[in-house]
Every structure is written in C-alpha cells, then in structure tokens.
Amino acid sequence: MLKSLQTVPSILIVGKNYLLDTRKVTSYPVVYVRKAGETIDLSSSESSKIGKRERIECPTSKFQPIIVISHPDFSDDLAVAKQMLENIFILLDPLEPFNRMLKAIEVLGKQDKTFQ
C-alpha cells in the first residue's frame, strides 16, 4: 500500500508501535504517536523495537500532550517529526484521525453485517 502512493508523504504517523517497522521500506520518517500517560505493553516482544521518544506539549493547552517515538534504527526521524508535529499541534490534535477511524469501525461493526 505504501509503495502505491502517488505523492510521497513528508512523514507517516502510525497508531501502533509495531507499525514502526514500516520505516524499513520507506524513504520518509515513520513515528508512533500516542497520548502522554498511555501505557505501553513492555512484556511484548514488540517493545524492543521502540526507539527514542519525545514528549510534545500543545502550545495552546488545547490538546493533551503526546509522546512521539521513532524506530530504533532511524533515531534521526524523531527530530524531523517533532518539528512537524509541533507546528501541527498548534491547531490540530495529531491523534484525532485515529480516534475518528476507531469510532467509524465501531459504528460499522454495529450497523453493517459485513463487519460483524
């Protein structure tokens, strides 16, 4: 799916830490973003694949702080992602699209027999 993109993104934000491995097949930064304070399952074998992390505060205090995590083999991605996300975070919650998708899937599961 990533290879079929016609426009190369500046950054790929993922909602699950195991998706950081997609960085190995992309030419652009991939970071995992989560709410600050959320716990990560450290017993998982996936936890060893988590690289550097950085906390970003919303400058307007409009949104909850987030944690940005890079792939351990691509730690330079964190600086690029942090700068981009700080600019976005002034107006938008970077986690909102993930929340919206979860709600849509939940609604589909309840209303559409195909997804039950």
PDB file of N, CA and C in Angstrom:
ATOM      1  N   MET A   1       0.823  -1.183   0.000  1.00  0.00           N
ATOM      2  CA  MET A   1       0.000   0.000   0.000  1.00  0.00           C
ATOM      3  C   MET A   1       0.876   1.260   0.000  1.00  0.00           C
ATOM      4  N   LEU A   2       1.923   1.270   0.819  1.00  0.00           N
ATOM      5  CA  LEU A   2       2.791   2.450   0.877  1.00  0.00           C
ATOM      6  C   LEU A   2       3.488   2.701  -0.454  1.00  0.00           C
ATOM      7  N   LYS A   3       3.843   1.641  -1.143  1.00  0.00           N
ATOM      8  CA  LYS A   3       4.549   1.783  -2.420  1.00  0.00           C
ATOM      9  C   LYS A   3       3.641   2.305  -3.525  1.00  0.00           C
ATOM     10  N   SER A   4       2.332   2.178  -3.340  1.00  0.00           N
ATOM     11  CA  SER A   4       1.401   2.633  -4.372  1.00  0.00           C
ATOM     12  C   SER A   4       1.032   4.114  -4.234  1.00  0.00           C
ATOM     13  N   LEU A   5       1.526   4.780  -3.211  1.00  0.00           N
ATOM     14  CA  LEU A   5       1.235   6.206  -3.035  1.00  0.00           C
ATOM     15  C   LEU A   5       1.807   7.012  -4.191  1.00  0.00           C
ATOM     16  N   GLN A   6       0.999   7.889  -4.754  1.00  0.00           N
ATOM     17  CA  GLN A   6       1.464   8.725  -5.854  1.00  0.00           C
ATOM     18  C   GLN A   6       2.218   9.950  -5.345  1.00  0.00           C
ATOM     19  N   THR A   7       1.832  10.429  -4.183  1.00  0.00           N
ATOM     20  CA  THR A   7       2.521  11.551  -3.554  1.00  0.00           C
ATOM     21  C   THR A   7       3.238  11.022  -2.318  1.00  0.00           C
ATOM     22  N   VAL A   8       4.531  11.231  -2.269  1.00  0.00           N
ATOM     23  CA  VAL A   8       5.314  10.744  -1.135  1.00  0.00           C
ATOM     24  C   VAL A   8       5.061  11.654   0.065  1.00  0.00           C
ATOM     25  N   PRO A   9       4.654  11.079   1.194  1.00  0.00           N
ATOM     26  CA  PRO A   9       4.401  11.918   2.370  1.00  0.00           C
ATOM     27  C   PRO A   9       5.695  12.447   2.981  1.00  0.00           C
ATOM     28  N   SER A  10       5.573  13.511   3.733  1.00  0.00           N
ATOM     29  CA  SER A  10       6.723  14.053   4.465  1.00  0.00           C
ATOM     30  C   SER A  10       7.016  13.212   5.696  1.00  0.00           C
ATOM     31  N   ILE A  11       5.955  12.608   6.224  1.00  0.00           N
ATOM     32  CA  ILE A  11       6.059  11.798   7.436  1.00  0.00           C
ATOM     33  C   ILE A  11       4.871  10.838   7.480  1.00  0.00           C
ATOM     34  N   LEU A  12       5.077   9.684   8.093  1.00  0.00           N
ATOM     35  CA  LEU A  12       3.992   8.727   8.308  1.00  0.00           C
ATOM     36  C   LEU A  12       3.816   8.579   9.811  1.00  0.00           C
ATOM     37  N   ILE A  13       2.621   8.874  10.279  1.00  0.00           N
ATOM     38  CA  ILE A  13       2.302   8.755  11.701  1.00  0.00           C
ATOM     39  C   ILE A  13       1.477   7.491  11.871  1.00  0.00           C
ATOM     40  N   VAL A  14       1.925   6.610  12.763  1.00  0.00           N
ATOM     41  CA  VAL A  14       1.218   5.355  12.994  1.00  0.00           C
ATOM     42  C   VAL A  14       0.658   5.327  14.410  1.00  0.00           C
ATOM     43  N   GLY A  15      -0.401   4.560  14.584  1.00  0.00           N
ATOM     44  CA  GLY A  15      -1.082   4.484  15.871  1.00  0.00           C
ATOM     45  C   GLY A  15      -0.761   3.245  16.676  1.00  0.00           C
ATOM     46  N   LYS A  16       0.119   2.390  16.170  1.00  0.00           N
ATOM     47  CA  LYS A  16       0.550   1.175  16.875  1.00  0.00           C
ATOM     48  C   LYS A  16       2.058   1.063  16.762  1.00  0.00           C
ATOM     49  N   ASN A  17       2.712   0.692  17.854  1.00  0.00           N
ATOM     50  CA  ASN A  17       4.175   0.671  17.846  1.00  0.00           C
ATOM     51  C   ASN A  17       4.760  -0.361  16.893  1.00  0.00           C
ATOM     52  N   TYR A  18       4.077  -1.480  16.660  1.00  0.00           N
ATOM     53  CA  TYR A  18       4.620  -2.489  15.750  1.00  0.00           C
ATOM     54  C   TYR A  18       4.679  -1.987  14.303  1.00  0.00           C
ATOM     55  N   LEU A  19       3.945  -0.933  13.994  1.00  0.00           N
ATOM     56  CA  LEU A  19       3.967  -0.373  12.641  1.00  0.00           C
ATOM     57  C   LEU A  19       5.209   0.473  12.372  1.00  0.00           C
ATOM     58  N   LEU A  20       6.022   0.694  13.392  1.00  0.00           N
ATOM     59  CA  LEU A  20       7.287   1.410  13.184  1.00  0.00           C
ATOM     60  C   LEU A  20       8.184   0.669  12.197  1.00  0.00           C
ATOM     61  N   ASP A  21       8.009  -0.639  12.088  1.00  0.00           N
ATOM     62  CA  ASP A  21       8.821  -1.423  11.151  1.00  0.00           C
ATOM     63  C   ASP A  21       8.588  -1.040   9.693  1.00  0.00           C
ATOM     64  N   THR A  22       7.496  -0.342   9.406  1.00  0.00           N
ATOM     65  CA  THR A  22       7.283   0.115   8.028  1.00  0.00           C
ATOM     66  C   THR A  22       8.378   1.080   7.601  1.00  0.00           C
ATOM     67  N   ARG A  23       9.084   1.642   8.562  1.00  0.00           N
ATOM     68  CA  ARG A  23      10.180   2.576   8.244  1.00  0.00           C
ATOM     69  C   ARG A  23      11.261   1.903   7.413  1.00  0.00           C
ATOM     70  N   LYS A  24      11.410   0.613   7.568  1.00  0.00           N
ATOM     71  CA  LYS A  24      12.445  -0.126   6.836  1.00  0.00           C
ATOM     72  C   LYS A  24      12.194  -0.155   5.331  1.00  0.00           C
ATOM     73  N   VAL A  25      10.969   0.121   4.919  1.00  0.00           N
ATOM     74  CA  VAL A  25      10.632   0.070   3.490  1.00  0.00           C
ATOM     75  C   VAL A  25      10.208   1.433   2.939  1.00  0.00           C
ATOM     76  N   THR A  26      10.425   2.495   3.717  1.00  0.00           N
ATOM     77  CA  THR A  26      10.067   3.833   3.250  1.00  0.00           C
ATOM     78  C   THR A  26      11.300   4.730   3.232  1.00  0.00           C
ATOM     79  N   SER A  27      11.186   5.803   2.480  1.00  0.00           N
ATOM     80  CA  SER A  27      12.279   6.783   2.422  1.00  0.00           C
ATOM     81  C   SER A  27      11.977   8.000   3.293  1.00  0.00           C
ATOM     82  N   TYR A  28      10.874   7.976   3.996  1.00  0.00           N
ATOM     83  CA  TYR A  28      10.441   9.106   4.814  1.00  0.00           C
ATOM     84  C   TYR A  28      10.256   8.649   6.267  1.00  0.00           C
ATOM     85  N   PRO A  29      10.305   9.595   7.200  1.00  0.00           N
ATOM     86  CA  PRO A  29      10.184   9.252   8.619  1.00  0.00           C
ATOM     87  C   PRO A  29       8.851   8.588   8.963  1.00  0.00           C
ATOM     88  N   VAL A  30       8.923   7.620   9.860  1.00  0.00           N
ATOM     89  CA  VAL A  30       7.744   6.947  10.405  1.00  0.00           C
ATOM     90  C   VAL A  30       7.842   7.051  11.921  1.00  0.00           C
ATOM     91  N   VAL A  31       6.798   7.566  12.551  1.00  0.00           N
ATOM     92  CA  VAL A  31       6.792   7.688  14.004  1.00  0.00           C
ATOM     93  C   VAL A  31       5.474   7.177  14.575  1.00  0.00           C
ATOM     94  N   TYR A  32       5.576   6.644  15.764  1.00  0.00           N
ATOM     95  CA  TYR A  32       4.412   6.197  16.530  1.00  0.00           C
ATOM     96  C   TYR A  32       4.046   7.329  17.478  1.00  0.00           C
ATOM     97  N   VAL A  33       2.778   7.719  17.481  1.00  0.00           N
ATOM     98  CA  VAL A  33       2.308   8.809  18.336  1.00  0.00           C
ATOM     99  C   VAL A  33       1.215   8.265  19.243  1.00  0.00           C
ATOM    100  N   ARG A  34       1.320   8.610  20.516  1.00  0.00           N
ATOM    101  CA  ARG A  34       0.302   8.205  21.492  1.00  0.00           C
ATOM    102  C   ARG A  34       0.110   9.327  22.504  1.00  0.00           C
ATOM    103  N   LYS A  35      -0.991   9.260  23.250  1.00  0.00           N
ATOM    104  CA  LYS A  35      -1.232  10.244  24.305  1.00  0.00           C
ATOM    105  C   LYS A  35      -0.195  10.060  25.401  1.00  0.00           C
ATOM    106  N   ALA A  36       0.270  11.150  25.949  1.00  0.00           N
ATOM    107  CA  ALA A  36       1.160  11.074  27.110  1.00  0.00           C
ATOM    108  C   ALA A  36       0.374  10.447  28.252  1.00  0.00           C
ATOM    109  N   GLY A  37       0.999   9.537  28.957  1.00  0.00           N
ATOM    110  CA  GLY A  37       0.326   8.873  30.066  1.00  0.00           C
ATOM    111  C   GLY A  37      -0.233   7.518  29.708  1.00  0.00           C
ATOM    112  N   GLU A  38      -0.401   7.228  28.414  1.00  0.00           N
ATOM    113  CA  GLU A  38      -0.842   5.897  27.997  1.00  0.00           C
ATOM    114  C   GLU A  38       0.273   4.914  28.276  1.00  0.00           C
ATOM    115  N   THR A  39      -0.100   3.717  28.648  1.00  0.00           N
ATOM    116  CA  THR A  39       0.925   2.715  28.929  1.00  0.00           C
ATOM    117  C   THR A  39       1.209   1.884  27.692  1.00  0.00           C
ATOM    118  N   ILE A  40       2.450   1.414  27.606  1.00  0.00           N
ATOM    119  CA  ILE A  40       2.866   0.511  26.538  1.00  0.00           C
ATOM    120  C   ILE A  40       3.082  -0.848  27.173  1.00  0.00           C
ATOM    121  N   ASP A  41       2.677  -1.902  26.494  1.00  0.00           N
ATOM    122  CA  ASP A  41       2.876  -3.260  26.990  1.00  0.00           C
ATOM    123  C   ASP A  41       4.346  -3.629  26.849  1.00  0.00           C
ATOM    124  N   LEU A  42       5.100  -3.509  27.935  1.00  0.00           N
ATOM    125  CA  LEU A  42       6.532  -3.785  27.898  1.00  0.00           C
ATOM    126  C   LEU A  42       6.841  -5.271  27.880  1.00  0.00           C
ATOM    127  N   SER A  43       5.855  -6.109  28.141  1.00  0.00           N
ATOM    128  CA  SER A  43       6.090  -7.548  28.088  1.00  0.00           C
ATOM    129  C   SER A  43       6.090  -8.049  26.652  1.00  0.00           C
ATOM    130  N   SER A  44       5.596  -7.241  25.756  1.00  0.00           N
ATOM    131  CA  SER A  44       5.521  -7.604  24.347  1.00  0.00           C
ATOM    132  C   SER A  44       6.906  -7.625  23.720  1.00  0.00           C
ATOM    133  N   SER A  45       7.096  -8.552  22.793  1.00  0.00           N
ATOM    134  CA  SER A  45       8.370  -8.605  22.071  1.00  0.00           C
ATOM    135  C   SER A  45       8.531  -7.373  21.194  1.00  0.00           C
ATOM    136  N   GLU A  46       7.434  -6.704  20.911  1.00  0.00           N
ATOM    137  CA  GLU A  46       7.474  -5.509  20.079  1.00  0.00           C
ATOM    138  C   GLU A  46       8.122  -4.334  20.812  1.00  0.00           C
ATOM    139  N   SER A  47       8.140  -4.374  22.138  1.00  0.00           N
ATOM    140  CA  SER A  47       8.667  -3.235  22.893  1.00  0.00           C
ATOM    141  C   SER A  47      10.149  -3.004  22.631  1.00  0.00           C
ATOM    142  N   SER A  48      10.867  -4.037  22.209  1.00  0.00           N
ATOM    143  CA  SER A  48      12.292  -3.872  21.914  1.00  0.00           C
ATOM    144  C   SER A  48      12.510  -3.101  20.621  1.00  0.00           C
ATOM    145  N   LYS A  49      11.461  -2.915  19.844  1.00  0.00           N
ATOM    146  CA  LYS A  49      11.568  -2.227  18.561  1.00  0.00           C
ATOM    147  C   LYS A  49      11.255  -0.741  18.676  1.00  0.00           C
ATOM    148  N   ILE A  50      11.136  -0.246  19.884  1.00  0.00           N
ATOM    149  CA  ILE A  50      10.811   1.161  20.093  1.00  0.00           C
ATOM    150  C   ILE A  50      12.102   1.943  20.292  1.00  0.00           C
ATOM    151  N   GLY A  51      12.228   3.033  19.566  1.00  0.00           N
ATOM    152  CA  GLY A  51      13.436   3.849  19.639  1.00  0.00           C
ATOM    153  C   GLY A  51      13.296   5.021  20.581  1.00  0.00           C
ATOM    154  N   LYS A  52      13.910   6.122  20.196  1.00  0.00           N
ATOM    155  CA  LYS A  52      13.876   7.343  21.012  1.00  0.00           C
ATOM    156  C   LYS A  52      12.452   7.867  21.111  1.00  0.00           C
ATOM    157  N   ARG A  53      12.206   8.569  22.191  1.00  0.00           N
ATOM    158  CA  ARG A  53      10.878   9.155  22.387  1.00  0.00           C
ATOM    159  C   ARG A  53      10.998  10.590  22.848  1.00  0.00           C
ATOM    160  N   GLU A  54       9.970  11.344  22.549  1.00  0.00           N
ATOM    161  CA  GLU A  54       9.952  12.769  22.901  1.00  0.00           C
ATOM    162  C   GLU A  54       8.523  13.147  23.273  1.00  0.00           C
ATOM    163  N   ARG A  55       8.382  13.910  24.331  1.00  0.00           N
ATOM    164  CA  ARG A  55       7.069  14.417  24.737  1.00  0.00           C
ATOM    165  C   ARG A  55       6.872  15.776  24.086  1.00  0.00           C
ATOM    166  N   ILE A  56       5.688  15.981  23.522  1.00  0.00           N
ATOM    167  CA  ILE A  56       5.363  17.269  22.915  1.00  0.00           C
ATOM    168  C   ILE A  56       4.117  17.816  23.600  1.00  0.00           C
ATOM    169  N   GLU A  57       4.248  19.026  24.093  1.00  0.00           N
ATOM    170  CA  GLU A  57       3.129  19.715  24.740  1.00  0.00           C
ATOM    171  C   GLU A  57       2.419  20.578  23.704  1.00  0.00           C
ATOM    172  N   CYS A  58       1.117  20.645  23.808  1.00  0.00           N
ATOM    173  CA  CYS A  58       0.350  21.542  22.947  1.00  0.00           C
ATOM    174  C   CYS A  58       0.591  22.970  23.434  1.00  0.00           C
ATOM    175  N   PRO A  59       1.107  23.854  22.568  1.00  0.00           N
ATOM    176  CA  PRO A  59       1.415  25.225  22.998  1.00  0.00           C
ATOM    177  C   PRO A  59       0.198  25.995  23.494  1.00  0.00           C
ATOM    178  N   THR A  60      -0.979  25.634  23.012  1.00  0.00           N
ATOM    179  CA  THR A  60      -2.196  26.335  23.422  1.00  0.00           C
ATOM    180  C   THR A  60      -2.911  25.621  24.569  1.00  0.00           C
ATOM    181  N   SER A  61      -2.388  24.471  24.988  1.00  0.00           N
ATOM    182  CA  SER A  61      -3.007  23.626  26.026  1.00  0.00           C
ATOM    183  C   SER A  61      -4.397  23.152  25.617  1.00  0.00           C
ATOM    184  N   LYS A  62      -4.677  23.215  24.339  1.00  0.00           N
ATOM    185  CA  LYS A  62      -5.975  22.809  23.804  1.00  0.00           C
ATOM    186  C   LYS A  62      -6.103  21.282  23.758  1.00  0.00           C
ATOM    187  N   PHE A  63      -4.965  20.596  23.575  1.00  0.00           N
ATOM    188  CA  PHE A  63      -4.950  19.144  23.453  1.00  0.00           C
ATOM    189  C   PHE A  63      -4.004  18.533  24.475  1.00  0.00           C
ATOM    190  N   GLN A  64      -4.269  17.278  24.797  1.00  0.00           N
ATOM    191  CA  GLN A  64      -3.419  16.539  25.733  1.00  0.00           C
ATOM    192  C   GLN A  64      -2.029  16.338  25.123  1.00  0.00           C
ATOM    193  N   PRO A  65      -0.968  16.385  25.942  1.00  0.00           N
ATOM    194  CA  PRO A  65       0.385  16.152  25.417  1.00  0.00           C
ATOM    195  C   PRO A  65       0.489  14.782  24.746  1.00  0.00           C
ATOM    196  N   ILE A  66       1.426  14.674  23.815  1.00  0.00           N
ATOM    197  CA  ILE A  66       1.628  13.416  23.105  1.00  0.00           C
ATOM    198  C   ILE A  66       3.074  12.954  23.275  1.00  0.00           C
ATOM    199  N   ILE A  67       3.272  11.677  23.037  1.00  0.00           N
ATOM    200  CA  ILE A  67       4.602  11.083  23.008  1.00  0.00           C
ATOM    201  C   ILE A  67       4.850  10.638  21.574  1.00  0.00           C
ATOM    202  N   VAL A  68       5.987  11.016  21.034  1.00  0.00           N
ATOM    203  CA  VAL A  68       6.378  10.641  19.673  1.00  0.00           C
ATOM    204  C   VAL A  68       7.567   9.699  19.797  1.00  0.00           C
ATOM    205  N   ILE A  69       7.486   8.560  19.111  1.00  0.00           N
ATOM    206  CA  ILE A  69       8.522   7.532  19.212  1.00  0.00           C
ATOM    207  C   ILE A  69       8.984   7.150  17.814  1.00  0.00           C
ATOM    208  N   SER A  70      10.295   7.056  17.645  1.00  0.00           N
ATOM    209  CA  SER A  70      10.863   6.670  16.345  1.00  0.00           C
ATOM    210  C   SER A  70      11.278   5.201  16.360  1.00  0.00           C
ATOM    211  N   HIS A  71      11.557   4.672  15.188  1.00  0.00           N
ATOM    212  CA  HIS A  71      12.119   3.327  15.063  1.00  0.00           C
ATOM    213  C   HIS A  71      13.545   3.378  15.610  1.00  0.00           C
ATOM    214  N   PRO A  72      14.000   2.344  16.315  1.00  0.00           N
ATOM    215  CA  PRO A  72      15.339   2.400  16.919  1.00  0.00           C
ATOM    216  C   PRO A  72      16.477   2.548  15.910  1.00  0.00           C
ATOM    217  N   ASP A  73      16.279   2.098  14.690  1.00  0.00           N
ATOM    218  CA  ASP A  73      17.325   2.206  13.666  1.00  0.00           C
ATOM    219  C   ASP A  73      17.304   3.539  12.926  1.00  0.00           C
ATOM    220  N   PHE A  74      16.294   4.366  13.203  1.00  0.00           N
ATOM    221  CA  PHE A  74      16.132   5.636  12.493  1.00  0.00           C
ATOM    222  C   PHE A  74      15.850   6.755  13.502  1.00  0.00           C
ATOM    223  N   SER A  75      16.740   6.929  14.445  1.00  0.00           N
ATOM    224  CA  SER A  75      16.512   7.897  15.524  1.00  0.00           C
ATOM    225  C   SER A  75      16.460   9.342  15.027  1.00  0.00           C
ATOM    226  N   ASP A  76      17.064   9.626  13.872  1.00  0.00           N
ATOM    227  CA  ASP A  76      17.003  10.986  13.317  1.00  0.00           C
ATOM    228  C   ASP A  76      15.584  11.383  12.917  1.00  0.00           C
ATOM    229  N   ASP A  77      14.725  10.395  12.699  1.00  0.00           N
ATOM    230  CA  ASP A  77      13.333  10.680  12.344  1.00  0.00           C
ATOM    231  C   ASP A  77      12.637  11.486  13.430  1.00  0.00           C
ATOM    232  N   LEU A  78      13.062  11.306  14.663  1.00  0.00           N
ATOM    233  CA  LEU A  78      12.392  11.962  15.779  1.00  0.00           C
ATOM    234  C   LEU A  78      12.476  13.482  15.691  1.00  0.00           C
ATOM    235  N   ALA A  79      13.633  14.007  15.341  1.00  0.00           N
ATOM    236  CA  ALA A  79      13.796  15.467  15.242  1.00  0.00           C
ATOM    237  C   ALA A  79      12.915  16.043  14.137  1.00  0.00           C
ATOM    238  N   VAL A  80      12.872  15.359  13.005  1.00  0.00           N
ATOM    239  CA  VAL A  80      12.034  15.803  11.878  1.00  0.00           C
ATOM    240  C   VAL A  80      10.567  15.775  12.284  1.00  0.00           C
ATOM    241  N   ALA A  81      10.155  14.666  12.877  1.00  0.00           N
ATOM    242  CA  ALA A  81       8.759  14.505  13.273  1.00  0.00           C
ATOM    243  C   ALA A  81       8.365  15.511  14.345  1.00  0.00           C
ATOM    244  N   LYS A  82       9.249  15.731  15.300  1.00  0.00           N
ATOM    245  CA  LYS A  82       8.942  16.664  16.386  1.00  0.00           C
ATOM    246  C   LYS A  82       8.673  18.060  15.839  1.00  0.00           C
ATOM    247  N   GLN A  83       9.513  18.507  14.932  1.00  0.00           N
ATOM    248  CA  GLN A  83       9.327  19.845  14.361  1.00  0.00           C
ATOM    249  C   GLN A  83       7.993  19.934  13.615  1.00  0.00           C
ATOM    250  N   MET A  84       7.684  18.937  12.802  1.00  0.00           N
ATOM    251  CA  MET A  84       6.425  18.954  12.045  1.00  0.00           C
ATOM    252  C   MET A  84       5.219  18.898  12.976  1.00  0.00           C
ATOM    253  N   LEU A  85       5.280  18.017  13.961  1.00  0.00           N
ATOM    254  CA  LEU A  85       4.146  17.855  14.861  1.00  0.00           C
ATOM    255  C   LEU A  85       3.938  19.074  15.753  1.00  0.00           C
ATOM    256  N   GLU A  86       5.000  19.729  16.154  1.00  0.00           N
ATOM    257  CA  GLU A  86       4.843  20.957  16.949  1.00  0.00           C
ATOM    258  C   GLU A  86       4.107  22.023  16.150  1.00  0.00           C
ATOM    259  N   ASN A  87       4.387  22.111  14.864  1.00  0.00           N
ATOM    260  CA  ASN A  87       3.687  23.084  14.008  1.00  0.00           C
ATOM    261  C   ASN A  87       2.220  22.718  13.836  1.00  0.00           C
ATOM    262  N   ILE A  88       1.925  21.445  13.715  1.00  0.00           N
ATOM    263  CA  ILE A  88       0.548  20.970  13.545  1.00  0.00           C
ATOM    264  C   ILE A  88      -0.236  21.104  14.845  1.00  0.00           C
ATOM    265  N   PHE A  89       0.435  20.810  15.951  1.00  0.00           N
ATOM    266  CA  PHE A  89      -0.195  20.725  17.266  1.00  0.00           C
ATOM    267  C   PHE A  89      -0.794  22.046  17.731  1.00  0.00           C
ATOM    268  N   ILE A  90      -0.398  23.137  17.130  1.00  0.00           N
ATOM    269  CA  ILE A  90      -0.959  24.443  17.485  1.00  0.00           C
ATOM    270  C   ILE A  90      -2.453  24.485  17.158  1.00  0.00           C
ATOM    271  N   LEU A  91      -2.825  23.856  16.037  1.00  0.00           N
ATOM    272  CA  LEU A  91      -4.214  23.908  15.567  1.00  0.00           C
ATOM    273  C   LEU A  91      -4.956  22.580  15.630  1.00  0.00           C
ATOM    274  N   LEU A  92      -4.230  21.473  15.484  1.00  0.00           N
ATOM    275  CA  LEU A  92      -4.875  20.167  15.347  1.00  0.00           C
ATOM    276  C   LEU A  92      -4.301  19.141  16.312  1.00  0.00           C
ATOM    277  N   ASP A  93      -5.146  18.209  16.713  1.00  0.00           N
ATOM    278  CA  ASP A  93      -4.709  17.080  17.527  1.00  0.00           C
ATOM    279  C   ASP A  93      -4.249  15.971  16.579  1.00  0.00           C
ATOM    280  N   PRO A  94      -2.964  15.610  16.589  1.00  0.00           N
ATOM    281  CA  PRO A  94      -2.470  14.582  15.666  1.00  0.00           C
ATOM    282  C   PRO A  94      -3.109  13.210  15.884  1.00  0.00           C
ATOM    283  N   LEU A  95      -3.723  12.990  17.036  1.00  0.00           N
ATOM    284  CA  LEU A  95      -4.357  11.703  17.318  1.00  0.00           C
ATOM    285  C   LEU A  95      -5.819  11.650  16.879  1.00  0.00           C
ATOM    286  N   GLU A  96      -6.387  12.783  16.544  1.00  0.00           N
ATOM    287  CA  GLU A  96      -7.812  12.840  16.192  1.00  0.00           C
ATOM    288  C   GLU A  96      -8.187  11.918  15.038  1.00  0.00           C
ATOM    289  N   PRO A  97      -7.410  11.831  13.961  1.00  0.00           N
ATOM    290  CA  PRO A  97      -7.795  10.913  12.876  1.00  0.00           C
ATOM    291  C   PRO A  97      -7.871   9.451  13.327  1.00  0.00           C
ATOM    292  N   PHE A  98      -6.987   9.051  14.230  1.00  0.00           N
ATOM    293  CA  PHE A  98      -7.028   7.678  14.739  1.00  0.00           C
ATOM    294  C   PHE A  98      -8.300   7.445  15.546  1.00  0.00           C
ATOM    295  N   ASN A  99      -8.672   8.412  16.369  1.00  0.00           N
ATOM    296  CA  ASN A  99      -9.904   8.307  17.157  1.00  0.00           C
ATOM    297  C   ASN A  99     -11.128   8.245  16.252  1.00  0.00           C
ATOM    298  N   ARG A 100     -11.114   9.047  15.199  1.00  0.00           N
ATOM    299  CA  ARG A 100     -12.234   9.065  14.255  1.00  0.00           C
ATOM    300  C   ARG A 100     -12.371   7.719  13.541  1.00  0.00           C
ATOM    301  N   MET A 101     -11.246   7.134  13.139  1.00  0.00           N
ATOM    302  CA  MET A 101     -11.285   5.827  12.469  1.00  0.00           C
ATOM    303  C   MET A 101     -11.800   4.740  13.407  1.00  0.00           C
ATOM    304  N   LEU A 102     -11.366   4.765  14.663  1.00  0.00           N
ATOM    305  CA  LEU A 102     -11.839   3.775  15.631  1.00  0.00           C
ATOM    306  C   LEU A 102     -13.348   3.867  15.820  1.00  0.00           C
ATOM    307  N   LYS A 103     -13.861   5.089  15.902  1.00  0.00           N
ATOM    308  CA  LYS A 103     -15.304   5.272  16.062  1.00  0.00           C
ATOM    309  C   LYS A 103     -16.058   4.794  14.824  1.00  0.00           C
ATOM    310  N   ALA A 104     -15.520   5.061  13.636  1.00  0.00           N
ATOM    311  CA  ALA A 104     -16.164   4.621  12.396  1.00  0.00           C
ATOM    312  C   ALA A 104     -16.208   3.099  12.319  1.00  0.00           C
ATOM    313  N   ILE A 105     -15.131   2.451  12.705  1.00  0.00           N
ATOM    314  CA  ILE A 105     -15.088   0.986  12.694  1.00  0.00           C
ATOM    315  C   ILE A 105     -16.078   0.421  13.706  1.00  0.00           C
ATOM    316  N   GLU A 106     -16.168   1.061  14.858  1.00  0.00           N
ATOM    317  CA  GLU A 106     -17.118   0.633  15.884  1.00  0.00           C
ATOM    318  C   GLU A 106     -18.555   0.736  15.368  1.00  0.00           C
ATOM    319  N   VAL A 107     -18.878   1.841  14.717  1.00  0.00           N
ATOM    320  CA  VAL A 107     -20.221   2.036  14.163  1.00  0.00           C
ATOM    321  C   VAL A 107     -20.500   1.004  13.074  1.00  0.00           C
ATOM    322  N   LEU A 108     -19.528   0.775  12.193  1.00  0.00           N
ATOM    323  CA  LEU A 108     -19.701  -0.234  11.146  1.00  0.00           C
ATOM    324  C   LEU A 108     -19.942  -1.615  11.745  1.00  0.00           C
ATOM    325  N   GLY A 109     -19.230  -1.921  12.801  1.00  0.00           N
ATOM    326  CA  GLY A 109     -19.395  -3.213  13.461  1.00  0.00           C
ATOM    327  C   GLY A 109     -20.793  -3.410  14.012  1.00  0.00           C
ATOM    328  N   LYS A 110     -21.419  -2.323  14.424  1.00  0.00           N
ATOM    329  CA  LYS A 110     -22.768  -2.404  14.979  1.00  0.00           C
ATOM    330  C   LYS A 110     -23.846  -2.365  13.902  1.00  0.00           C
ATOM    331  N   GLN A 111     -23.592  -1.639  12.807  1.00  0.00           N
ATOM    332  CA  GLN A 111     -24.641  -1.383  11.826  1.00  0.00           C
ATOM    333  C   GLN A 111     -24.547  -2.203  10.548  1.00  0.00           C
ATOM    334  N   ASP A 112     -23.373  -2.642  10.180  1.00  0.00           N
ATOM    335  CA  ASP A 112     -23.191  -3.331   8.903  1.00  0.00           C
ATOM    336  C   ASP A 112     -22.852  -4.794   9.154  1.00  0.00           C
ATOM    337  N   LYS A 113     -23.678  -5.691   8.650  1.00  0.00           N
ATOM    338  CA  LYS A 113     -23.484  -7.126   8.878  1.00  0.00           C
ATOM    339  C   LYS A 113     -22.170  -7.635   8.300  1.00  0.00           C
ATOM    340  N   THR A 114     -21.647  -6.952   7.301  1.00  0.00           N
ATOM    341  CA  THR A 114     -20.373  -7.345   6.694  1.00  0.00           C
ATOM    342  C   THR A 114     -19.239  -7.278   7.708  1.00  0.00           C
ATOM    343  N   PHE A 115     -19.335  -6.379   8.667  1.00  0.00           N
ATOM    344  CA  PHE A 115     -18.267  -6.157   9.638  1.00  0.00           C
ATOM    345  C   PHE A 115     -18.531  -6.825  10.987  1.00  0.00           C
ATOM    346  N   GLN A 116     -19.549  -7.656  11.057  1.00  0.00           N
ATOM    347  CA  GLN A 116     -19.875  -8.311  12.338  1.00  0.00           C
ATOM    348  C   GLN A 116     -19.255  -9.680  12.427  1.00  0.00           C
TER     349      GLN A 116
END
